[in-house]
Amino acid sequence: MKKAYGMTVLMLLLTTVLSLGWATEGSARPGDLATFNSTYDTAGTRLDSCLVCHVDGSDLNPFGMDISMQTGTTGQRLANVEVLDSDGDGFSNIDEINNLTFPGDPDDNPAVGPEAAPDGLAALSFAIAVIIALFAILSAAAYLASRMKEANLRKWHRYAGVILAPLIVLQALSGIFLS
């Protein structure tokens, strides 16, 4: 029984030592972020973060994985991946870094990064204005329709259908071409 206990302790100790060795090998070295910041002048910006290379904890994002596959110093490895598009969003890593967006996050890029927030607000304002305008037009049409005689209402409905049908077809075709 003592032999089994001693063997279990030895195995746990060996497993702990090996996992600690692999954990330190896989995680960033203290100077990596400092080298990144000094290379790209990002100290104090949103990119002055471990999230440049890591998802959270020690898991690497696509940019971090590309760097880990390179050889040489941290500076050389960074230079090697500048032209790549690690996160596959259509922007090179260096373009994303220069625009202070995360090169390992496909949802954060120069086209939709922090500076795009006002455009999103403008689009929302426009959508609300269109909805209000459509509500006003439909309310006016409903009021007028309630005052019409049936023959005039049928004629008006026919004319509205003739005008709206081509617009609906154009909208459907544009949806097909855009998708």
N, C-alpha and C. Protein backbone atom coordinates (compact mmCIF):
# COMPACT_ATOMS: atom_id res chain seq x y z
N MET A 1 0.82 -1.18 0.00
CA MET A 1 0.00 0.00 0.00
C MET A 1 0.87 1.25 0.00
N LYS A 2 1.98 1.24 0.79
CA LYS A 2 2.87 2.38 0.80
C LYS A 2 3.51 2.57 -0.56
N LYS A 3 3.81 1.47 -1.25
CA LYS A 3 4.43 1.55 -2.56
C LYS A 3 3.47 2.21 -3.55
N ALA A 4 2.17 1.84 -3.50
CA ALA A 4 1.18 2.43 -4.39
C ALA A 4 1.03 3.92 -4.09
N TYR A 5 1.01 4.29 -2.81
CA TYR A 5 0.90 5.69 -2.41
C TYR A 5 2.10 6.49 -2.90
N GLY A 6 3.29 5.95 -2.72
CA GLY A 6 4.51 6.63 -3.17
C GLY A 6 4.53 6.79 -4.69
N MET A 7 4.07 5.77 -5.41
CA MET A 7 4.03 5.86 -6.87
C MET A 7 3.02 6.91 -7.31
N THR A 8 1.87 7.02 -6.63
CA THR A 8 0.85 8.03 -6.96
C THR A 8 1.40 9.43 -6.74
N VAL A 9 2.08 9.64 -5.63
CA VAL A 9 2.68 10.95 -5.34
C VAL A 9 3.73 11.29 -6.39
N LEU A 10 4.56 10.32 -6.74
CA LEU A 10 5.58 10.53 -7.75
C LEU A 10 4.95 10.90 -9.10
N MET A 11 3.88 10.23 -9.50
CA MET A 11 3.20 10.51 -10.76
C MET A 11 2.56 11.91 -10.74
N LEU A 12 1.95 12.27 -9.61
CA LEU A 12 1.36 13.62 -9.49
C LEU A 12 2.44 14.69 -9.57
N LEU A 13 3.56 14.46 -8.92
CA LEU A 13 4.67 15.40 -8.95
C LEU A 13 5.22 15.54 -10.37
N LEU A 14 5.41 14.44 -11.05
CA LEU A 14 5.92 14.45 -12.41
C LEU A 14 4.93 15.17 -13.35
N THR A 15 3.64 14.88 -13.21
CA THR A 15 2.61 15.53 -14.03
C THR A 15 2.60 17.04 -13.78
N THR A 16 2.72 17.46 -12.53
CA THR A 16 2.73 18.88 -12.19
C THR A 16 3.93 19.58 -12.81
N VAL A 17 5.10 18.98 -12.68
CA VAL A 17 6.32 19.58 -13.23
C VAL A 17 6.21 19.70 -14.75
N LEU A 18 5.75 18.65 -15.40
CA LEU A 18 5.62 18.68 -16.86
C LEU A 18 4.60 19.72 -17.31
N SER A 19 3.43 19.78 -16.62
CA SER A 19 2.44 20.75 -17.05
C SER A 19 2.90 22.17 -16.81
N LEU A 20 3.62 22.42 -15.75
CA LEU A 20 4.16 23.77 -15.53
C LEU A 20 5.18 24.13 -16.58
N GLY A 21 5.98 23.16 -16.97
CA GLY A 21 6.96 23.40 -18.03
C GLY A 21 6.29 23.74 -19.34
N TRP A 22 5.24 23.02 -19.70
CA TRP A 22 4.53 23.31 -20.96
C TRP A 22 3.77 24.61 -20.86
N ALA A 23 3.21 24.93 -19.70
CA ALA A 23 2.45 26.17 -19.55
C ALA A 23 3.34 27.38 -19.76
N THR A 24 4.56 27.35 -19.23
CA THR A 24 5.43 28.50 -19.40
C THR A 24 5.94 28.58 -20.82
N GLU A 25 6.09 27.43 -21.48
CA GLU A 25 6.55 27.46 -22.86
C GLU A 25 5.46 28.03 -23.77
N GLY A 26 4.18 27.75 -23.49
CA GLY A 26 3.09 28.19 -24.35
C GLY A 26 2.63 29.60 -24.08
N SER A 27 2.91 30.15 -22.92
CA SER A 27 2.42 31.49 -22.62
C SER A 27 3.45 32.53 -23.02
N ALA A 28 2.98 33.75 -23.10
CA ALA A 28 3.83 34.84 -23.57
C ALA A 28 4.95 35.12 -22.58
N ARG A 29 6.07 35.50 -23.13
CA ARG A 29 7.17 35.93 -22.28
C ARG A 29 6.93 37.39 -21.90
N PRO A 30 7.40 37.83 -20.75
CA PRO A 30 7.12 39.19 -20.28
C PRO A 30 7.51 40.29 -21.27
N GLY A 31 8.54 40.07 -22.06
CA GLY A 31 8.98 41.11 -22.96
C GLY A 31 8.22 41.17 -24.29
N ASP A 32 7.37 40.17 -24.58
CA ASP A 32 6.68 40.15 -25.87
C ASP A 32 5.77 41.36 -26.06
N LEU A 33 4.95 41.69 -25.07
CA LEU A 33 4.07 42.84 -25.19
C LEU A 33 4.87 44.14 -25.24
N ALA A 34 5.94 44.20 -24.46
CA ALA A 34 6.79 45.40 -24.48
C ALA A 34 7.43 45.57 -25.86
N THR A 35 7.88 44.48 -26.46
CA THR A 35 8.45 44.54 -27.81
C THR A 35 7.39 44.96 -28.81
N PHE A 36 6.19 44.41 -28.71
CA PHE A 36 5.09 44.79 -29.59
C PHE A 36 4.82 46.29 -29.47
N ASN A 37 4.70 46.77 -28.22
CA ASN A 37 4.40 48.19 -27.99
C ASN A 37 5.51 49.10 -28.51
N SER A 38 6.76 48.71 -28.32
CA SER A 38 7.85 49.57 -28.79
C SER A 38 7.98 49.51 -30.31
N THR A 39 7.68 48.37 -30.92
CA THR A 39 7.77 48.24 -32.37
C THR A 39 6.70 49.07 -33.06
N TYR A 40 5.48 49.06 -32.53
CA TYR A 40 4.34 49.70 -33.20
C TYR A 40 3.84 50.96 -32.48
N ASP A 41 4.55 51.39 -31.44
CA ASP A 41 4.17 52.59 -30.69
C ASP A 41 2.71 52.51 -30.20
N THR A 42 2.39 51.39 -29.55
CA THR A 42 1.02 51.17 -29.08
C THR A 42 0.88 51.22 -27.57
N ALA A 43 1.93 51.61 -26.87
CA ALA A 43 1.85 51.69 -25.40
C ALA A 43 0.77 52.70 -25.02
N GLY A 44 -0.10 52.30 -24.10
CA GLY A 44 -1.16 53.18 -23.63
C GLY A 44 -2.41 53.19 -24.51
N THR A 45 -2.38 52.45 -25.62
CA THR A 45 -3.56 52.38 -26.49
C THR A 45 -4.35 51.12 -26.15
N ARG A 46 -5.42 50.89 -26.85
CA ARG A 46 -6.22 49.69 -26.61
C ARG A 46 -5.45 48.42 -26.97
N LEU A 47 -4.40 48.55 -27.80
CA LEU A 47 -3.59 47.38 -28.17
C LEU A 47 -2.51 47.07 -27.13
N ASP A 48 -2.38 47.88 -26.11
CA ASP A 48 -1.43 47.62 -25.03
C ASP A 48 -2.07 46.61 -24.09
N SER A 49 -2.29 45.40 -24.62
CA SER A 49 -3.05 44.39 -23.90
C SER A 49 -2.62 43.00 -24.36
N CYS A 50 -2.74 42.04 -23.48
CA CYS A 50 -2.45 40.65 -23.83
C CYS A 50 -3.42 40.13 -24.88
N LEU A 51 -4.58 40.82 -25.06
CA LEU A 51 -5.57 40.39 -26.03
C LEU A 51 -5.09 40.54 -27.47
N VAL A 52 -3.95 41.18 -27.69
CA VAL A 52 -3.39 41.26 -29.03
C VAL A 52 -3.10 39.85 -29.53
N CYS A 53 -2.57 39.01 -28.68
CA CYS A 53 -2.19 37.64 -29.08
C CYS A 53 -3.05 36.55 -28.44
N HIS A 54 -3.73 36.88 -27.35
CA HIS A 54 -4.47 35.86 -26.60
C HIS A 54 -5.96 36.15 -26.62
N VAL A 55 -6.76 35.08 -26.60
CA VAL A 55 -8.20 35.22 -26.47
C VAL A 55 -8.50 35.60 -25.03
N ASP A 56 -8.10 34.78 -24.12
CA ASP A 56 -8.10 35.07 -22.69
C ASP A 56 -7.22 34.01 -22.04
N GLY A 57 -6.64 34.36 -20.96
CA GLY A 57 -5.72 33.42 -20.32
C GLY A 57 -4.55 33.10 -21.24
N SER A 58 -4.33 31.81 -21.48
CA SER A 58 -3.19 31.43 -22.31
C SER A 58 -3.58 30.98 -23.71
N ASP A 59 -4.88 30.98 -24.04
CA ASP A 59 -5.31 30.58 -25.37
C ASP A 59 -4.93 31.64 -26.40
N LEU A 60 -4.26 31.21 -27.46
CA LEU A 60 -3.83 32.15 -28.50
C LEU A 60 -4.96 32.40 -29.49
N ASN A 61 -5.07 33.66 -29.94
CA ASN A 61 -5.98 33.97 -31.04
C ASN A 61 -5.22 33.72 -32.36
N PRO A 62 -5.84 33.90 -33.54
CA PRO A 62 -5.14 33.60 -34.80
C PRO A 62 -3.84 34.38 -34.98
N PHE A 63 -3.78 35.65 -34.56
CA PHE A 63 -2.55 36.44 -34.66
C PHE A 63 -1.46 35.84 -33.78
N GLY A 64 -1.82 35.49 -32.55
CA GLY A 64 -0.86 34.86 -31.64
C GLY A 64 -0.36 33.52 -32.16
N MET A 65 -1.26 32.75 -32.80
CA MET A 65 -0.84 31.47 -33.36
C MET A 65 0.14 31.68 -34.52
N ASP A 66 -0.13 32.69 -35.37
CA ASP A 66 0.80 32.97 -36.47
C ASP A 66 2.17 33.37 -35.94
N ILE A 67 2.22 34.18 -34.89
CA ILE A 67 3.49 34.59 -34.30
C ILE A 67 4.22 33.38 -33.71
N SER A 68 3.47 32.51 -33.04
CA SER A 68 4.11 31.36 -32.39
C SER A 68 4.70 30.39 -33.41
N MET A 69 4.26 30.45 -34.64
CA MET A 69 4.79 29.55 -35.67
C MET A 69 6.06 30.10 -36.32
N GLN A 70 6.43 31.34 -35.98
CA GLN A 70 7.61 31.97 -36.56
C GLN A 70 8.83 31.66 -35.71
N THR A 71 10.00 31.89 -36.28
CA THR A 71 11.25 31.72 -35.53
C THR A 71 11.96 33.06 -35.44
N GLY A 72 12.90 33.13 -34.54
CA GLY A 72 13.68 34.35 -34.37
C GLY A 72 13.24 35.11 -33.13
N THR A 73 13.71 36.33 -33.03
CA THR A 73 13.34 37.18 -31.89
C THR A 73 11.89 37.59 -32.03
N THR A 74 11.34 38.16 -30.97
CA THR A 74 9.96 38.64 -31.03
C THR A 74 9.80 39.67 -32.14
N GLY A 75 10.75 40.58 -32.26
CA GLY A 75 10.69 41.59 -33.32
C GLY A 75 10.69 40.97 -34.72
N GLN A 76 11.51 39.95 -34.92
CA GLN A 76 11.55 39.27 -36.22
C GLN A 76 10.24 38.53 -36.49
N ARG A 77 9.71 37.89 -35.46
CA ARG A 77 8.45 37.16 -35.64
C ARG A 77 7.31 38.12 -35.95
N LEU A 78 7.30 39.29 -35.30
CA LEU A 78 6.27 40.29 -35.58
C LEU A 78 6.38 40.78 -37.03
N ALA A 79 7.61 41.06 -37.46
CA ALA A 79 7.82 41.52 -38.84
C ALA A 79 7.36 40.46 -39.85
N ASN A 80 7.57 39.19 -39.54
CA ASN A 80 7.19 38.11 -40.45
C ASN A 80 5.69 38.01 -40.67
N VAL A 81 4.89 38.40 -39.67
CA VAL A 81 3.43 38.23 -39.78
C VAL A 81 2.71 39.53 -40.16
N GLU A 82 3.45 40.61 -40.37
CA GLU A 82 2.81 41.89 -40.70
C GLU A 82 1.96 41.80 -41.96
N VAL A 83 2.44 41.12 -42.99
CA VAL A 83 1.72 41.07 -44.27
C VAL A 83 0.57 40.06 -44.26
N LEU A 84 0.51 39.20 -43.26
CA LEU A 84 -0.56 38.20 -43.18
C LEU A 84 -1.86 38.84 -42.74
N ASP A 85 -2.96 38.16 -42.99
CA ASP A 85 -4.27 38.52 -42.47
C ASP A 85 -4.68 37.39 -41.53
N SER A 86 -4.16 37.43 -40.32
CA SER A 86 -4.31 36.31 -39.39
C SER A 86 -5.77 35.96 -39.11
N ASP A 87 -6.62 36.97 -38.94
CA ASP A 87 -8.01 36.70 -38.58
C ASP A 87 -8.93 36.58 -39.78
N GLY A 88 -8.39 36.70 -41.00
CA GLY A 88 -9.17 36.47 -42.21
C GLY A 88 -10.27 37.49 -42.48
N ASP A 89 -10.09 38.73 -42.01
CA ASP A 89 -11.13 39.74 -42.20
C ASP A 89 -10.88 40.67 -43.39
N GLY A 90 -9.83 40.37 -44.18
CA GLY A 90 -9.55 41.17 -45.36
C GLY A 90 -8.57 42.31 -45.14
N PHE A 91 -8.04 42.45 -43.92
CA PHE A 91 -7.07 43.49 -43.61
C PHE A 91 -5.79 42.85 -43.11
N SER A 92 -4.65 43.32 -43.60
CA SER A 92 -3.38 42.76 -43.15
C SER A 92 -3.17 43.10 -41.68
N ASN A 93 -2.35 42.31 -41.02
CA ASN A 93 -2.08 42.55 -39.60
C ASN A 93 -1.53 43.96 -39.37
N ILE A 94 -0.63 44.41 -40.25
CA ILE A 94 -0.03 45.73 -40.05
C ILE A 94 -1.07 46.84 -40.23
N ASP A 95 -2.02 46.66 -41.17
CA ASP A 95 -3.09 47.65 -41.34
C ASP A 95 -3.95 47.73 -40.08
N GLU A 96 -4.23 46.57 -39.50
CA GLU A 96 -5.04 46.57 -38.28
C GLU A 96 -4.29 47.22 -37.12
N ILE A 97 -3.01 46.90 -36.99
CA ILE A 97 -2.22 47.48 -35.90
C ILE A 97 -2.14 48.99 -36.07
N ASN A 98 -1.88 49.46 -37.29
CA ASN A 98 -1.80 50.90 -37.55
C ASN A 98 -3.12 51.62 -37.29
N ASN A 99 -4.23 50.90 -37.40
CA ASN A 99 -5.55 51.49 -37.13
C ASN A 99 -6.05 51.17 -35.73
N LEU A 100 -5.15 50.61 -34.89
CA LEU A 100 -5.45 50.27 -33.49
C LEU A 100 -6.63 49.32 -33.36
N THR A 101 -6.70 48.33 -34.27
CA THR A 101 -7.68 47.26 -34.14
C THR A 101 -6.92 45.95 -33.95
N PHE A 102 -7.56 44.99 -33.31
CA PHE A 102 -6.89 43.74 -32.95
C PHE A 102 -6.73 42.85 -34.18
N PRO A 103 -5.48 42.50 -34.54
CA PRO A 103 -5.24 41.68 -35.73
C PRO A 103 -5.65 40.21 -35.57
N GLY A 104 -6.03 39.81 -34.39
CA GLY A 104 -6.46 38.43 -34.16
C GLY A 104 -7.95 38.30 -33.96
N ASP A 105 -8.71 39.40 -34.16
CA ASP A 105 -10.16 39.41 -33.95
C ASP A 105 -10.85 39.82 -35.24
N PRO A 106 -11.53 38.89 -35.93
CA PRO A 106 -12.15 39.24 -37.21
C PRO A 106 -13.29 40.25 -37.08
N ASP A 107 -13.84 40.41 -35.87
CA ASP A 107 -14.92 41.37 -35.67
C ASP A 107 -14.41 42.77 -35.34
N ASP A 108 -13.09 42.93 -35.24
CA ASP A 108 -12.49 44.23 -34.93
C ASP A 108 -11.49 44.54 -36.03
N ASN A 109 -11.86 45.39 -36.95
CA ASN A 109 -10.96 45.74 -38.05
C ASN A 109 -11.20 47.19 -38.45
N PRO A 110 -10.36 47.77 -39.30
CA PRO A 110 -10.51 49.18 -39.65
C PRO A 110 -11.88 49.54 -40.22
N ALA A 111 -12.59 48.60 -40.85
CA ALA A 111 -13.90 48.92 -41.42
C ALA A 111 -14.98 48.98 -40.35
N VAL A 112 -14.83 48.25 -39.25
CA VAL A 112 -15.85 48.23 -38.20
C VAL A 112 -15.26 48.51 -36.83
N GLY A 113 -14.07 49.05 -36.78
CA GLY A 113 -13.41 49.31 -35.52
C GLY A 113 -14.06 50.44 -34.73
N PRO A 114 -13.39 50.96 -33.73
CA PRO A 114 -13.97 51.95 -32.84
C PRO A 114 -14.43 53.22 -33.55
N GLU A 115 -13.72 53.61 -34.62
CA GLU A 115 -14.09 54.85 -35.30
C GLU A 115 -15.37 54.73 -36.11
N ALA A 116 -15.91 53.53 -36.29
CA ALA A 116 -17.12 53.35 -37.09
C ALA A 116 -18.39 53.53 -36.28
N ALA A 117 -18.29 53.75 -34.98
CA ALA A 117 -19.48 53.86 -34.14
C ALA A 117 -20.42 54.98 -34.58
N PRO A 118 -19.95 56.18 -34.94
CA PRO A 118 -20.89 57.21 -35.36
C PRO A 118 -21.69 56.82 -36.60
N ASP A 119 -21.09 56.08 -37.55
CA ASP A 119 -21.82 55.64 -38.73
C ASP A 119 -22.95 54.70 -38.34
N GLY A 120 -22.71 53.84 -37.37
CA GLY A 120 -23.76 52.94 -36.90
C GLY A 120 -24.91 53.72 -36.29
N LEU A 121 -24.58 54.78 -35.56
CA LEU A 121 -25.61 55.63 -34.96
C LEU A 121 -26.38 56.35 -36.06
N ALA A 122 -25.70 56.83 -37.10
CA ALA A 122 -26.37 57.50 -38.21
C ALA A 122 -27.30 56.54 -38.93
N ALA A 123 -26.87 55.30 -39.13
CA ALA A 123 -27.71 54.30 -39.79
C ALA A 123 -28.96 54.01 -38.96
N LEU A 124 -28.80 53.92 -37.64
CA LEU A 124 -29.94 53.69 -36.76
C LEU A 124 -30.91 54.86 -36.83
N SER A 125 -30.39 56.10 -36.81
CA SER A 125 -31.24 57.28 -36.90
C SER A 125 -32.00 57.30 -38.21
N PHE A 126 -31.32 56.95 -39.31
CA PHE A 126 -31.98 56.90 -40.62
C PHE A 126 -33.08 55.86 -40.63
N ALA A 127 -32.81 54.67 -40.07
CA ALA A 127 -33.81 53.61 -40.03
C ALA A 127 -35.04 54.04 -39.23
N ILE A 128 -34.83 54.71 -38.12
CA ILE A 128 -35.95 55.18 -37.31
C ILE A 128 -36.75 56.23 -38.07
N ALA A 129 -36.07 57.13 -38.78
CA ALA A 129 -36.76 58.15 -39.57
C ALA A 129 -37.60 57.50 -40.68
N VAL A 130 -37.06 56.47 -41.34
CA VAL A 130 -37.80 55.78 -42.40
C VAL A 130 -39.03 55.10 -41.82
N ILE A 131 -38.90 54.47 -40.67
CA ILE A 131 -40.03 53.79 -40.04
C ILE A 131 -41.12 54.80 -39.68
N ILE A 132 -40.74 55.95 -39.14
CA ILE A 132 -41.71 56.98 -38.79
C ILE A 132 -42.41 57.50 -40.04
N ALA A 133 -41.64 57.74 -41.12
CA ALA A 133 -42.23 58.22 -42.37
C ALA A 133 -43.21 57.20 -42.94
N LEU A 134 -42.82 55.90 -42.93
CA LEU A 134 -43.73 54.86 -43.43
C LEU A 134 -45.00 54.77 -42.59
N PHE A 135 -44.87 54.92 -41.29
CA PHE A 135 -46.04 54.89 -40.42
C PHE A 135 -46.97 56.05 -40.75
N ALA A 136 -46.40 57.25 -40.97
CA ALA A 136 -47.22 58.42 -41.30
C ALA A 136 -47.93 58.22 -42.64
N ILE A 137 -47.22 57.69 -43.64
CA ILE A 137 -47.82 57.46 -44.96
C ILE A 137 -48.93 56.42 -44.87
N LEU A 138 -48.68 55.32 -44.16
CA LEU A 138 -49.70 54.28 -44.03
C LEU A 138 -50.91 54.77 -43.23
N SER A 139 -50.67 55.59 -42.22
CA SER A 139 -51.78 56.15 -41.44
C SER A 139 -52.64 57.06 -42.31
N ALA A 140 -51.98 57.90 -43.13
CA ALA A 140 -52.72 58.79 -44.03
C ALA A 140 -53.51 57.97 -45.05
N ALA A 141 -52.88 56.92 -45.59
CA ALA A 141 -53.57 56.07 -46.57
C ALA A 141 -54.77 55.38 -45.94
N ALA A 142 -54.61 54.90 -44.72
CA ALA A 142 -55.72 54.23 -44.03
C ALA A 142 -56.86 55.22 -43.77
N TYR A 143 -56.54 56.43 -43.39
CA TYR A 143 -57.57 57.46 -43.16
C TYR A 143 -58.32 57.77 -44.46
N LEU A 144 -57.57 57.97 -45.55
CA LEU A 144 -58.20 58.27 -46.84
C LEU A 144 -59.04 57.09 -47.32
N ALA A 145 -58.51 55.88 -47.13
CA ALA A 145 -59.25 54.69 -47.57
C ALA A 145 -60.56 54.54 -46.81
N SER A 146 -60.57 54.92 -45.56
CA SER A 146 -61.82 54.80 -44.78
C SER A 146 -62.87 55.79 -45.26
N ARG A 147 -62.49 56.84 -45.95
CA ARG A 147 -63.41 57.86 -46.44
C ARG A 147 -63.84 57.62 -47.90
N MET A 148 -63.19 56.66 -48.58
CA MET A 148 -63.49 56.42 -50.00
C MET A 148 -64.69 55.51 -50.18
N LYS A 149 -65.32 55.67 -51.33
CA LYS A 149 -66.36 54.72 -51.72
C LYS A 149 -65.65 53.48 -52.23
N GLU A 150 -66.37 52.35 -52.23
CA GLU A 150 -65.74 51.08 -52.58
C GLU A 150 -65.15 51.08 -53.99
N ALA A 151 -65.80 51.66 -54.94
CA ALA A 151 -65.30 51.68 -56.32
C ALA A 151 -63.99 52.47 -56.41
N ASN A 152 -63.94 53.60 -55.73
CA ASN A 152 -62.71 54.41 -55.73
C ASN A 152 -61.59 53.70 -54.97
N LEU A 153 -61.94 53.00 -53.92
CA LEU A 153 -60.94 52.28 -53.14
C LEU A 153 -60.31 51.17 -53.98
N ARG A 154 -61.14 50.43 -54.75
CA ARG A 154 -60.61 49.38 -55.63
C ARG A 154 -59.68 49.97 -56.68
N LYS A 155 -60.02 51.10 -57.25
CA LYS A 155 -59.20 51.75 -58.27
C LYS A 155 -57.87 52.21 -57.66
N TRP A 156 -57.95 52.81 -56.48
CA TRP A 156 -56.74 53.28 -55.80
C TRP A 156 -55.83 52.09 -55.46
N HIS A 157 -56.42 51.00 -55.01
CA HIS A 157 -55.67 49.81 -54.66
C HIS A 157 -54.97 49.24 -55.89
N ARG A 158 -55.65 49.24 -57.05
CA ARG A 158 -55.06 48.75 -58.29
C ARG A 158 -53.87 49.62 -58.68
N TYR A 159 -54.02 50.95 -58.63
CA TYR A 159 -52.92 51.86 -58.98
C TYR A 159 -51.72 51.68 -58.04
N ALA A 160 -52.01 51.52 -56.76
CA ALA A 160 -50.92 51.32 -55.79
C ALA A 160 -50.17 50.02 -56.08
N GLY A 161 -50.92 48.97 -56.48
CA GLY A 161 -50.29 47.70 -56.82
C GLY A 161 -49.41 47.81 -58.05
N VAL A 162 -49.87 48.58 -59.05
CA VAL A 162 -49.09 48.77 -60.27
C VAL A 162 -47.79 49.51 -59.96
N ILE A 163 -47.83 50.44 -59.04
CA ILE A 163 -46.63 51.20 -58.67
C ILE A 163 -45.70 50.37 -57.78
N LEU A 164 -46.27 49.65 -56.82
CA LEU A 164 -45.45 48.92 -55.86
C LEU A 164 -44.86 47.62 -56.40
N ALA A 165 -45.54 46.94 -57.31
CA ALA A 165 -45.06 45.65 -57.81
C ALA A 165 -43.66 45.75 -58.42
N PRO A 166 -43.39 46.71 -59.32
CA PRO A 166 -42.01 46.79 -59.86
C PRO A 166 -40.97 47.13 -58.78
N LEU A 167 -41.37 47.92 -57.80
CA LEU A 167 -40.42 48.25 -56.72
C LEU A 167 -40.09 47.02 -55.89
N ILE A 168 -41.07 46.16 -55.65
CA ILE A 168 -40.83 44.93 -54.89
C ILE A 168 -39.92 44.00 -55.69
N VAL A 169 -40.14 43.92 -57.01
CA VAL A 169 -39.28 43.09 -57.86
C VAL A 169 -37.85 43.63 -57.84
N LEU A 170 -37.67 44.95 -57.94
CA LEU A 170 -36.33 45.54 -57.89
C LEU A 170 -35.65 45.26 -56.55
N GLN A 171 -36.42 45.35 -55.48
CA GLN A 171 -35.86 45.07 -54.15
C GLN A 171 -35.42 43.62 -54.06
N ALA A 172 -36.20 42.69 -54.59
CA ALA A 172 -35.84 41.28 -54.56
C ALA A 172 -34.59 41.03 -55.40
N LEU A 173 -34.51 41.64 -56.57
CA LEU A 173 -33.33 41.46 -57.43
C LEU A 173 -32.08 42.03 -56.77
N SER A 174 -32.21 43.19 -56.14
CA SER A 174 -31.02 43.77 -55.47
C SER A 174 -30.57 42.87 -54.33
N GLY A 175 -31.51 42.24 -53.64
CA GLY A 175 -31.15 41.30 -52.58
C GLY A 175 -30.40 40.10 -53.11
N ILE A 176 -30.81 39.63 -54.29
CA ILE A 176 -30.13 38.48 -54.91
C ILE A 176 -28.70 38.87 -55.30
N PHE A 177 -28.53 40.05 -55.91
CA PHE A 177 -27.20 40.47 -56.34
C PHE A 177 -26.28 40.78 -55.16
N LEU A 178 -26.83 41.28 -54.06
CA LEU A 178 -26.00 41.63 -52.90
C LEU A 178 -25.61 40.41 -52.09
N SER A 179 -26.35 39.32 -52.20
CA SER A 179 -26.03 38.15 -51.37
C SER A 179 -25.05 37.23 -52.01
